Amino acid sequence: MSTKTSTVRARVEPGLKKDTEQIFEQLGINTTEAIRIFFKQVKLHRGLPFEMKIPNETTQKAISDAKSRKNVKEFDSPDQLFENLDIE
């Protein structure tokens, strides 16, 4: 491993930074180590180490409907939901 390093700077929302740092702490790593792991995985996979897709038309409509509360059914209990889905 080279002893030379380069600095990476990024701007993120404070809440996102706080939430992820809490997770990193539980994992026993810090933000710098997490970024280093991410970079190594990008290098290993020769791309992002997870799948990224643009949602298809059906999924995009469902997301839009959910955000606008259109065509959304609400239930008072899990039992009502299961009954509506015909799940016993």
N, C-alpha and C. Protein backbone atom coordinates (compact mmCIF):
# COMPACT_ATOMS: atom_id res chain seq x y z
N MET A 1 0.84 -1.18 0.00
CA MET A 1 0.00 0.00 0.00
C MET A 1 0.88 1.23 0.00
N SER A 2 0.54 2.16 -0.86
CA SER A 2 1.30 3.40 -0.96
C SER A 2 1.06 4.25 0.27
N THR A 3 2.09 4.98 0.68
CA THR A 3 1.94 5.86 1.84
C THR A 3 1.40 7.21 1.42
N LYS A 4 1.36 7.47 0.12
CA LYS A 4 0.80 8.73 -0.36
C LYS A 4 -0.72 8.63 -0.37
N THR A 5 -1.39 9.72 -0.06
CA THR A 5 -2.85 9.74 -0.06
C THR A 5 -3.34 10.95 -0.83
N SER A 6 -4.60 10.91 -1.18
CA SER A 6 -5.27 12.01 -1.85
C SER A 6 -6.53 12.31 -1.07
N THR A 7 -6.94 13.54 -1.06
CA THR A 7 -8.12 13.95 -0.30
C THR A 7 -9.36 13.92 -1.18
N VAL A 8 -10.44 13.42 -0.62
CA VAL A 8 -11.74 13.43 -1.27
C VAL A 8 -12.65 14.29 -0.42
N ARG A 9 -13.32 15.25 -1.05
CA ARG A 9 -14.28 16.11 -0.33
C ARG A 9 -15.64 15.95 -0.96
N ALA A 10 -16.65 15.85 -0.13
CA ALA A 10 -18.01 15.73 -0.64
C ALA A 10 -18.96 16.47 0.28
N ARG A 11 -19.99 17.03 -0.30
CA ARG A 11 -21.03 17.69 0.48
C ARG A 11 -22.24 16.77 0.55
N VAL A 12 -22.71 16.53 1.77
CA VAL A 12 -23.90 15.70 1.99
C VAL A 12 -24.78 16.38 3.03
N GLU A 13 -26.04 16.01 3.04
CA GLU A 13 -26.96 16.57 4.02
C GLU A 13 -26.51 16.18 5.42
N PRO A 14 -26.60 17.09 6.38
CA PRO A 14 -26.16 16.79 7.75
C PRO A 14 -26.82 15.55 8.35
N GLY A 15 -28.13 15.38 8.11
CA GLY A 15 -28.83 14.22 8.67
C GLY A 15 -28.32 12.91 8.08
N LEU A 16 -28.04 12.90 6.78
CA LEU A 16 -27.50 11.71 6.14
C LEU A 16 -26.13 11.38 6.71
N LYS A 17 -25.29 12.40 6.88
CA LYS A 17 -23.96 12.19 7.45
C LYS A 17 -24.06 11.61 8.86
N LYS A 18 -24.92 12.20 9.68
CA LYS A 18 -25.08 11.74 11.07
C LYS A 18 -25.57 10.29 11.10
N ASP A 19 -26.61 9.98 10.30
CA ASP A 19 -27.17 8.63 10.29
C ASP A 19 -26.15 7.60 9.83
N THR A 20 -25.40 7.91 8.78
CA THR A 20 -24.43 6.94 8.27
C THR A 20 -23.26 6.79 9.23
N GLU A 21 -22.85 7.87 9.87
CA GLU A 21 -21.75 7.76 10.83
C GLU A 21 -22.13 6.87 12.02
N GLN A 22 -23.39 6.91 12.42
CA GLN A 22 -23.85 6.03 13.50
C GLN A 22 -23.76 4.57 13.07
N ILE A 23 -24.10 4.30 11.82
CA ILE A 23 -24.01 2.93 11.30
C ILE A 23 -22.55 2.51 11.21
N PHE A 24 -21.69 3.40 10.70
CA PHE A 24 -20.26 3.07 10.61
C PHE A 24 -19.70 2.76 11.99
N GLU A 25 -20.13 3.52 12.99
CA GLU A 25 -19.65 3.28 14.37
C GLU A 25 -20.05 1.88 14.83
N GLN A 26 -21.28 1.47 14.53
CA GLN A 26 -21.73 0.13 14.90
C GLN A 26 -20.91 -0.94 14.18
N LEU A 27 -20.44 -0.62 12.97
CA LEU A 27 -19.62 -1.55 12.20
C LEU A 27 -18.15 -1.52 12.61
N GLY A 28 -17.80 -0.54 13.45
CA GLY A 28 -16.42 -0.43 13.91
C GLY A 28 -15.50 0.25 12.91
N ILE A 29 -16.07 1.09 12.04
CA ILE A 29 -15.25 1.82 11.07
C ILE A 29 -15.65 3.30 11.11
N ASN A 30 -14.79 4.13 10.53
CA ASN A 30 -15.13 5.55 10.44
C ASN A 30 -15.47 5.90 8.99
N THR A 31 -15.84 7.14 8.76
CA THR A 31 -16.27 7.56 7.42
C THR A 31 -15.16 7.38 6.40
N THR A 32 -13.94 7.73 6.75
CA THR A 32 -12.82 7.56 5.82
C THR A 32 -12.65 6.10 5.42
N GLU A 33 -12.73 5.20 6.40
CA GLU A 33 -12.61 3.77 6.08
C GLU A 33 -13.77 3.30 5.21
N ALA A 34 -14.97 3.80 5.46
CA ALA A 34 -16.13 3.42 4.65
C ALA A 34 -15.96 3.88 3.21
N ILE A 35 -15.48 5.09 3.03
CA ILE A 35 -15.23 5.59 1.67
C ILE A 35 -14.15 4.77 0.99
N ARG A 36 -13.11 4.43 1.71
CA ARG A 36 -12.02 3.61 1.15
C ARG A 36 -12.58 2.24 0.71
N ILE A 37 -13.42 1.64 1.54
CA ILE A 37 -14.04 0.35 1.19
C ILE A 37 -14.89 0.51 -0.07
N PHE A 38 -15.68 1.57 -0.12
CA PHE A 38 -16.51 1.82 -1.30
C PHE A 38 -15.65 1.96 -2.55
N PHE A 39 -14.59 2.75 -2.49
CA PHE A 39 -13.71 2.94 -3.65
C PHE A 39 -13.08 1.61 -4.08
N LYS A 40 -12.65 0.80 -3.11
CA LYS A 40 -12.05 -0.49 -3.47
C LYS A 40 -13.06 -1.40 -4.14
N GLN A 41 -14.32 -1.36 -3.68
CA GLN A 41 -15.36 -2.18 -4.30
C GLN A 41 -15.68 -1.69 -5.72
N VAL A 42 -15.67 -0.37 -5.92
CA VAL A 42 -15.88 0.18 -7.26
C VAL A 42 -14.76 -0.31 -8.18
N LYS A 43 -13.54 -0.27 -7.69
CA LYS A 43 -12.40 -0.74 -8.49
C LYS A 43 -12.53 -2.23 -8.79
N LEU A 44 -12.87 -3.03 -7.79
CA LEU A 44 -13.01 -4.47 -7.95
C LEU A 44 -14.11 -4.82 -8.95
N HIS A 45 -15.25 -4.15 -8.85
CA HIS A 45 -16.40 -4.43 -9.71
C HIS A 45 -16.33 -3.69 -11.05
N ARG A 46 -15.36 -2.80 -11.15
CA ARG A 46 -15.23 -1.95 -12.34
C ARG A 46 -16.54 -1.20 -12.60
N GLY A 47 -17.15 -0.74 -11.52
CA GLY A 47 -18.40 0.00 -11.54
C GLY A 47 -18.95 0.05 -10.14
N LEU A 48 -20.15 0.54 -10.02
CA LEU A 48 -20.75 0.61 -8.68
C LEU A 48 -20.97 -0.80 -8.14
N PRO A 49 -20.74 -1.00 -6.84
CA PRO A 49 -20.85 -2.34 -6.25
C PRO A 49 -22.29 -2.73 -5.91
N PHE A 50 -23.23 -2.08 -6.53
CA PHE A 50 -24.64 -2.41 -6.35
C PHE A 50 -25.36 -2.03 -7.63
N GLU A 51 -26.52 -2.62 -7.80
CA GLU A 51 -27.29 -2.40 -9.02
C GLU A 51 -28.06 -1.08 -8.94
N MET A 52 -28.00 -0.32 -10.01
CA MET A 52 -28.79 0.91 -10.11
C MET A 52 -29.62 0.82 -11.37
N LYS A 53 -30.91 1.02 -11.22
CA LYS A 53 -31.80 0.94 -12.36
C LYS A 53 -32.72 2.15 -12.39
N ILE A 54 -33.12 2.52 -13.59
CA ILE A 54 -34.17 3.50 -13.74
C ILE A 54 -35.47 2.72 -13.68
N PRO A 55 -36.38 3.12 -12.79
CA PRO A 55 -37.62 2.37 -12.65
C PRO A 55 -38.39 2.29 -13.97
N ASN A 56 -39.03 1.14 -14.22
CA ASN A 56 -39.84 1.00 -15.43
C ASN A 56 -41.10 1.86 -15.28
N GLU A 57 -41.89 1.93 -16.35
CA GLU A 57 -43.06 2.81 -16.38
C GLU A 57 -44.06 2.49 -15.28
N THR A 58 -44.29 1.21 -15.02
CA THR A 58 -45.25 0.80 -13.99
C THR A 58 -44.77 1.25 -12.61
N THR A 59 -43.48 1.05 -12.33
CA THR A 59 -42.92 1.46 -11.04
C THR A 59 -42.93 2.97 -10.90
N GLN A 60 -42.60 3.69 -11.97
CA GLN A 60 -42.61 5.16 -11.93
C GLN A 60 -44.02 5.67 -11.61
N LYS A 61 -45.05 5.06 -12.21
CA LYS A 61 -46.42 5.47 -11.95
C LYS A 61 -46.79 5.18 -10.49
N ALA A 62 -46.40 4.02 -9.99
CA ALA A 62 -46.70 3.67 -8.60
C ALA A 62 -46.03 4.65 -7.63
N ILE A 63 -44.79 5.02 -7.92
CA ILE A 63 -44.07 5.98 -7.07
C ILE A 63 -44.78 7.33 -7.11
N SER A 64 -45.14 7.77 -8.31
CA SER A 64 -45.84 9.04 -8.48
C SER A 64 -47.19 9.02 -7.75
N ASP A 65 -47.94 7.94 -7.91
CA ASP A 65 -49.23 7.81 -7.23
C ASP A 65 -49.06 7.84 -5.72
N ALA A 66 -48.08 7.15 -5.22
CA ALA A 66 -47.85 7.11 -3.77
C ALA A 66 -47.49 8.49 -3.23
N LYS A 67 -46.64 9.22 -3.97
CA LYS A 67 -46.25 10.56 -3.52
C LYS A 67 -47.43 11.52 -3.52
N SER A 68 -48.33 11.36 -4.48
CA SER A 68 -49.49 12.25 -4.58
C SER A 68 -50.71 11.70 -3.83
N ARG A 69 -50.54 10.54 -3.21
CA ARG A 69 -51.60 9.86 -2.47
C ARG A 69 -52.78 9.52 -3.39
N LYS A 70 -52.49 9.23 -4.66
CA LYS A 70 -53.50 8.88 -5.65
C LYS A 70 -53.56 7.36 -5.77
N ASN A 71 -54.77 6.82 -5.84
CA ASN A 71 -54.97 5.38 -5.97
C ASN A 71 -54.32 4.61 -4.82
N VAL A 72 -54.34 5.19 -3.64
CA VAL A 72 -53.74 4.57 -2.46
C VAL A 72 -54.85 4.06 -1.55
N LYS A 73 -54.74 2.81 -1.16
CA LYS A 73 -55.70 2.24 -0.22
C LYS A 73 -55.08 2.29 1.17
N GLU A 74 -55.91 2.59 2.14
CA GLU A 74 -55.46 2.62 3.53
C GLU A 74 -56.23 1.59 4.33
N PHE A 75 -55.55 1.00 5.30
CA PHE A 75 -56.15 -0.04 6.13
C PHE A 75 -55.89 0.30 7.59
N ASP A 76 -56.82 -0.07 8.44
CA ASP A 76 -56.71 0.20 9.88
C ASP A 76 -55.88 -0.85 10.61
N SER A 77 -55.65 -1.98 9.94
CA SER A 77 -54.90 -3.04 10.61
C SER A 77 -54.28 -3.95 9.56
N PRO A 78 -53.25 -4.70 9.95
CA PRO A 78 -52.68 -5.68 9.04
C PRO A 78 -53.72 -6.70 8.58
N ASP A 79 -54.64 -7.05 9.49
CA ASP A 79 -55.69 -8.03 9.13
C ASP A 79 -56.55 -7.52 7.98
N GLN A 80 -56.88 -6.23 7.99
CA GLN A 80 -57.66 -5.65 6.90
C GLN A 80 -56.88 -5.71 5.58
N LEU A 81 -55.60 -5.41 5.66
CA LEU A 81 -54.75 -5.47 4.47
C LEU A 81 -54.71 -6.89 3.92
N PHE A 82 -54.47 -7.87 4.79
CA PHE A 82 -54.39 -9.25 4.37
C PHE A 82 -55.73 -9.73 3.77
N GLU A 83 -56.82 -9.28 4.39
CA GLU A 83 -58.14 -9.65 3.87
C GLU A 83 -58.34 -9.08 2.46
N ASN A 84 -57.92 -7.82 2.27
CA ASN A 84 -58.04 -7.20 0.96
C ASN A 84 -57.20 -7.91 -0.08
N LEU A 85 -56.05 -8.42 0.34
CA LEU A 85 -55.15 -9.14 -0.57
C LEU A 85 -55.52 -10.61 -0.68
N ASP A 86 -56.56 -11.01 0.06
CA ASP A 86 -57.01 -12.40 0.08
C ASP A 86 -55.91 -13.35 0.57
N ILE A 87 -55.24 -12.87 1.65
CA ILE A 87 -54.19 -13.66 2.30
C ILE A 87 -54.72 -14.10 3.66
N GLU A 88 -54.60 -15.38 3.94
CA GLU A 88 -55.08 -15.89 5.24
C GLU A 88 -54.02 -15.84 6.30
